[in-house]
Amino acid sequence: QLQLVESGGGLVQPGGSLRLSCTASKFTLDYYAIGWFRQAPGKEREGVSCISSISSSGGITNYADSVKGRFTISRDKAKNTVYLQMNSLKPEDTAVYYCAVSFSCTLLPSEYNYWGQGTQVTVSS
């Protein structure tokens, strides 16, 4: 059974916005660091953003340089959901986006223990 599920992807024009959601059915996301990653066809998976566990740091975040000022990661404890708000989207943001669980907020895929199945984001005119 999948532990993480991403949703909210779709087709958007350059300059538009999307909000991705990451939900878990078997555990509480607030206990863990959550990362967002993306992978475009033929390219390596790259870290986009992460948020630390509430139990450890209370929500320190990191962002890749390519998305700073445009993307925001956040939590909604009541919904057991972590969001990635993506604004001012560019064609180079096109990728499959994944959320993942770790115990530290890093942008290194190897540090994450559990992964969702991904949601497609396409930025095109």
Protein backbone atom coordinates (compact mmCIF):
# COMPACT_ATOMS: atom_id res chain seq x y z
CA GLN A 1 0.00 0.00 0.00
CA LEU A 2 1.32 3.44 -0.92
CA GLN A 3 2.31 5.56 2.05
CA LEU A 4 2.59 8.87 0.20
CA VAL A 5 0.39 10.25 -2.56
CA GLU A 6 1.05 13.39 -4.61
CA SER A 7 -1.68 15.34 -6.35
CA GLY A 8 -2.29 18.72 -7.94
CA GLY A 9 -0.19 18.43 -11.06
CA GLY A 10 -1.40 19.48 -14.45
CA LEU A 11 -0.87 21.75 -17.43
CA VAL A 12 -0.24 25.44 -16.81
CA GLN A 13 0.99 28.36 -18.90
CA PRO A 14 4.32 30.03 -18.18
CA GLY A 15 3.85 32.49 -15.36
CA GLY A 16 0.98 30.50 -13.90
CA SER A 17 0.64 28.70 -10.59
CA LEU A 18 -0.04 25.23 -9.25
CA ARG A 19 -0.31 23.82 -5.76
CA LEU A 20 0.93 20.28 -5.22
CA SER A 21 -0.21 18.19 -2.26
CA CYS A 22 1.50 15.32 -0.46
CA THR A 23 -0.65 13.20 1.84
CA ALA A 24 -0.03 10.13 3.97
CA SER A 25 -2.62 7.61 5.11
CA LYS A 26 -0.63 5.54 7.62
CA PHE A 27 1.41 8.06 9.57
CA THR A 28 1.56 11.69 10.58
CA LEU A 29 3.72 13.77 8.26
CA ASP A 30 4.49 16.35 10.95
CA TYR A 31 6.86 13.86 12.61
CA TYR A 32 9.15 13.83 9.59
CA ALA A 33 11.05 16.04 7.22
CA ILE A 34 9.32 16.16 3.85
CA GLY A 35 11.05 16.85 0.58
CA TRP A 36 9.80 17.71 -2.88
CA PHE A 37 11.84 16.46 -5.82
CA ARG A 38 11.39 16.54 -9.55
CA GLN A 39 12.63 14.58 -12.51
CA ALA A 40 12.35 15.56 -16.15
CA PRO A 41 12.75 12.99 -18.95
CA GLY A 42 16.39 12.11 -19.46
CA LYS A 43 17.54 14.15 -16.46
CA GLU A 44 18.57 13.34 -12.91
CA ARG A 45 16.18 13.65 -10.02
CA GLU A 46 16.77 16.95 -8.26
CA GLY A 47 15.75 18.38 -4.93
CA VAL A 48 13.27 21.25 -5.06
CA SER A 49 12.36 22.00 -1.47
CA CYS A 50 12.13 20.45 1.97
CA ILE A 51 10.58 21.23 5.32
CA SER A 52 11.86 19.93 8.65
CA SER A 53 9.74 17.99 11.12
CA ILE A 54 7.70 19.99 13.59
CA SER A 55 8.95 17.76 16.41
CA SER A 56 12.59 18.67 15.73
CA SER A 57 12.90 22.17 14.28
CA GLY A 58 9.36 23.40 13.88
CA GLY A 59 9.49 23.90 10.15
CA ILE A 60 12.81 25.11 8.77
CA THR A 61 12.77 25.04 4.98
CA ASN A 62 15.27 24.80 2.14
CA TYR A 63 14.87 25.57 -1.55
CA ALA A 64 16.86 24.91 -4.66
CA ASP A 65 18.31 28.08 -6.15
CA SER A 66 16.24 27.54 -9.28
CA VAL A 67 12.95 27.91 -7.37
CA LYS A 68 13.77 30.40 -4.62
CA GLY A 69 11.26 33.22 -4.53
CA ARG A 70 8.77 31.26 -6.64
CA PHE A 71 7.96 28.09 -4.67
CA THR A 72 6.77 27.76 -1.07
CA ILE A 73 6.55 24.59 1.00
CA SER A 74 4.09 24.41 3.90
CA ARG A 75 2.14 22.06 6.16
CA ASP A 76 -1.52 21.69 7.07
CA LYS A 77 -1.56 19.52 10.17
CA ALA A 78 -5.33 19.13 10.21
CA LYS A 79 -5.23 17.57 6.75
CA ASN A 80 -1.96 15.67 7.29
CA THR A 81 -0.73 17.31 4.11
CA VAL A 82 2.39 19.07 2.89
CA TYR A 83 1.98 21.52 0.03
CA LEU A 84 4.26 22.94 -2.60
CA GLN A 85 2.89 26.22 -3.90
CA MET A 86 4.49 26.95 -7.27
CA ASN A 87 4.21 30.44 -8.71
CA SER A 88 5.72 32.12 -11.75
CA LEU A 89 6.16 28.75 -13.38
CA LYS A 90 8.64 28.34 -16.20
CA PRO A 91 8.89 25.70 -18.94
CA GLU A 92 12.01 24.35 -17.24
CA ASP A 93 9.87 23.47 -14.22
CA THR A 94 8.21 20.75 -16.30
CA ALA A 95 8.81 17.40 -14.61
CA VAL A 96 7.29 14.67 -12.52
CA TYR A 97 7.20 15.92 -8.95
CA TYR A 98 7.65 13.55 -6.01
CA CYS A 99 7.32 13.97 -2.28
CA ALA A 100 9.41 11.90 0.10
CA VAL A 101 10.00 11.34 3.81
CA SER A 102 13.24 11.72 5.74
CA PHE A 103 14.50 12.63 9.19
CA SER A 104 16.38 15.70 8.03
CA CYS A 105 15.60 18.53 5.63
CA THR A 106 18.04 18.14 2.76
CA LEU A 107 17.80 18.28 -1.00
CA LEU A 108 19.67 15.00 -1.48
CA PRO A 109 17.44 12.18 -2.76
CA SER A 110 19.62 9.55 -1.07
CA GLU A 111 18.62 10.87 2.36
CA TYR A 112 14.93 10.06 1.87
CA ASN A 113 13.37 6.79 2.96
CA TYR A 114 9.88 6.69 1.44
CA TRP A 115 8.57 8.09 -1.83
CA GLY A 116 5.27 8.78 -3.50
CA GLN A 117 4.44 7.87 -7.08
CA GLY A 118 4.72 11.38 -8.49
CA THR A 119 2.49 13.91 -10.21
CA GLN A 120 3.13 15.43 -13.63
CA VAL A 121 3.62 19.18 -13.97
CA THR A 122 3.76 20.60 -17.47
CA VAL A 123 4.46 24.28 -18.09
CA SER A 124 3.76 25.20 -21.69
CA SER A 125 2.03 27.83 -23.78
